[in-house]
Amino acid sequence: KRKYAVEFLTVNKLPADKTNYLIGGAVSARAIKLITGKRAKQDTRDEWWSEIRAEMRTHAASLQCSHIIGYKERTSIFDDVCVLSAQGTAIRIFSLGRRRMVLRDAEWAPPPCHAFHTPFSRRSHL
């Protein structure tokens, strides 16, 4: 299967003008890491976050979504334990502003189940 990169957007809202998308659902990932020695090195911390982001992309792709909006990362440290968490909303954007996004593969066709994939147009809800 061909995989597409899922993009992270830290915005909480998309432009109201002509934005059409499907909401896939809330996605999140968490990891608990043990900090050994005095401090975890920067390369080690970067690797931890790469793993979290990869898991988030996998969750969004399993919902057939192309983007994660409202993406946030948090770190909590208690003694030698580091808790990493990320969250966002998986969506599939069809058009953004005046630019139409092209779906390049039948694998990304709208899912047959519409109970959990609600088409949403900002204009239709104003």
Protein backbone atom coordinates (compact mmCIF):
# COMPACT_ATOMS: atom_id res chain seq x y z
CA LYS A 1 0.00 0.00 0.00
CA ARG A 2 1.11 3.52 -0.75
CA LYS A 3 1.25 5.80 2.28
CA TYR A 4 0.72 9.54 2.30
CA ALA A 5 2.30 11.88 4.79
CA VAL A 6 -0.14 13.18 7.39
CA GLU A 7 0.49 16.87 8.04
CA PHE A 8 0.27 18.50 11.46
CA LEU A 9 -1.50 21.85 11.79
CA THR A 10 -1.29 23.68 15.10
CA VAL A 11 -4.24 25.93 14.18
CA ASN A 12 -7.52 25.31 15.98
CA LYS A 13 -9.71 26.57 13.12
CA LEU A 14 -9.50 26.32 9.37
CA PRO A 15 -10.31 29.29 7.12
CA ALA A 16 -14.07 29.76 6.97
CA ASP A 17 -14.16 30.49 3.23
CA LYS A 18 -14.75 27.36 1.11
CA THR A 19 -13.09 24.87 3.43
CA ASN A 20 -14.53 21.39 3.00
CA TYR A 21 -13.33 18.52 5.13
CA LEU A 22 -14.35 15.35 6.92
CA ILE A 23 -13.75 14.92 10.64
CA GLY A 24 -12.15 11.55 11.33
CA GLY A 25 -11.93 11.82 15.11
CA ALA A 26 -9.73 12.68 18.05
CA VAL A 27 -6.26 11.15 17.99
CA SER A 28 -3.74 10.98 20.78
CA ALA A 29 -0.52 9.25 21.74
CA ARG A 30 1.32 8.93 25.03
CA ALA A 31 4.62 7.49 26.12
CA ILE A 32 6.33 7.06 29.45
CA LYS A 33 10.12 7.22 29.37
CA LEU A 34 12.69 6.70 32.09
CA ILE A 35 15.32 9.42 32.27
CA THR A 36 18.62 7.68 32.93
CA GLY A 37 21.67 9.52 34.18
CA LYS A 38 21.54 13.25 34.82
CA ARG A 39 19.47 14.18 31.78
CA ALA A 40 18.27 12.60 28.57
CA LYS A 41 20.31 13.90 25.65
CA GLN A 42 18.66 16.12 23.01
CA ASP A 43 18.97 13.36 20.38
CA THR A 44 17.18 10.94 22.70
CA ARG A 45 14.34 13.40 23.37
CA ASP A 46 14.02 14.12 19.63
CA GLU A 47 13.75 10.38 18.99
CA TRP A 48 11.00 10.08 21.63
CA TRP A 49 8.99 12.86 19.95
CA SER A 50 9.55 11.29 16.52
CA GLU A 51 7.99 8.07 17.83
CA ILE A 52 4.98 9.99 19.21
CA ARG A 53 4.49 11.85 15.92
CA ALA A 54 4.76 8.61 13.93
CA GLU A 55 2.06 7.05 16.12
CA MET A 56 -0.18 10.10 15.60
CA ARG A 57 0.28 9.83 11.83
CA THR A 58 -0.62 6.13 11.97
CA HIS A 59 -3.81 6.87 13.92
CA ALA A 60 -4.86 9.60 11.46
CA ALA A 61 -4.05 7.42 8.43
CA SER A 62 -6.14 4.57 9.88
CA LEU A 63 -9.07 7.02 9.85
CA GLN A 64 -8.20 7.86 6.21
CA CYS A 65 -7.32 11.43 7.19
CA SER A 66 -4.69 13.70 5.64
CA HIS A 67 -4.19 16.27 8.43
CA ILE A 68 -4.25 16.67 12.20
CA ILE A 69 -5.53 20.06 13.38
CA GLY A 70 -5.20 21.53 16.85
CA TYR A 71 -2.00 19.52 17.32
CA LYS A 72 -0.46 19.94 20.77
CA GLU A 73 2.45 18.30 22.58
CA ARG A 74 2.99 18.19 26.33
CA THR A 75 5.76 16.94 28.57
CA SER A 76 5.52 16.18 32.29
CA ILE A 77 8.51 15.15 34.37
CA PHE A 78 8.26 13.50 37.78
CA ASP A 79 11.63 12.60 39.28
CA ASP A 80 13.18 10.22 36.69
CA VAL A 81 9.96 9.64 34.74
CA CYS A 82 9.04 11.65 31.65
CA VAL A 83 5.48 11.50 30.28
CA LEU A 84 5.08 12.64 26.66
CA SER A 85 1.62 13.24 25.24
CA ALA A 86 0.25 14.57 21.98
CA GLN A 87 -3.30 15.19 20.81
CA GLY A 88 -5.26 16.62 17.92
CA THR A 89 -8.22 16.05 15.60
CA ALA A 90 -7.75 13.97 12.47
CA ILE A 91 -9.42 15.49 9.40
CA ARG A 92 -9.42 14.98 5.67
CA ILE A 93 -9.28 18.24 3.76
CA PHE A 94 -10.89 18.36 0.31
CA SER A 95 -10.52 22.08 -0.39
CA LEU A 96 -8.79 24.88 1.43
CA GLY A 97 -9.64 28.40 0.35
CA ARG A 98 -9.63 28.59 -3.46
CA ARG A 99 -7.22 25.69 -3.89
CA ARG A 100 -8.77 22.28 -4.47
CA MET A 101 -6.82 19.38 -2.99
CA VAL A 102 -6.53 16.39 -5.30
CA LEU A 103 -6.95 12.88 -3.98
CA ARG A 104 -4.30 10.84 -5.77
CA ASP A 105 -5.26 7.30 -4.87
CA ALA A 106 -8.45 5.26 -4.56
CA GLU A 107 -7.15 4.25 -1.12
CA TRP A 108 -8.10 7.76 0.06
CA ALA A 109 -11.70 7.61 -1.21
CA PRO A 110 -14.37 8.61 1.33
CA PRO A 111 -15.14 5.68 3.60
CA PRO A 112 -18.52 3.97 3.16
CA CYS A 113 -19.39 4.52 6.83
CA HIS A 114 -20.76 8.03 7.26
CA ALA A 115 -21.85 7.59 10.87
CA PHE A 116 -18.40 8.61 12.13
CA HIS A 117 -17.17 10.67 9.17
CA THR A 118 -19.30 13.77 9.02
CA PRO A 119 -18.93 16.05 5.98
CA PHE A 120 -18.53 19.59 7.27
CA SER A 121 -18.51 22.85 5.42
CA ARG A 122 -18.02 25.96 7.49
CA ARG A 123 -20.27 27.93 5.13
CA SER A 124 -23.19 25.52 5.56
CA HIS A 125 -23.15 26.04 9.35
CA LEU A 126 -23.14 29.84 9.46
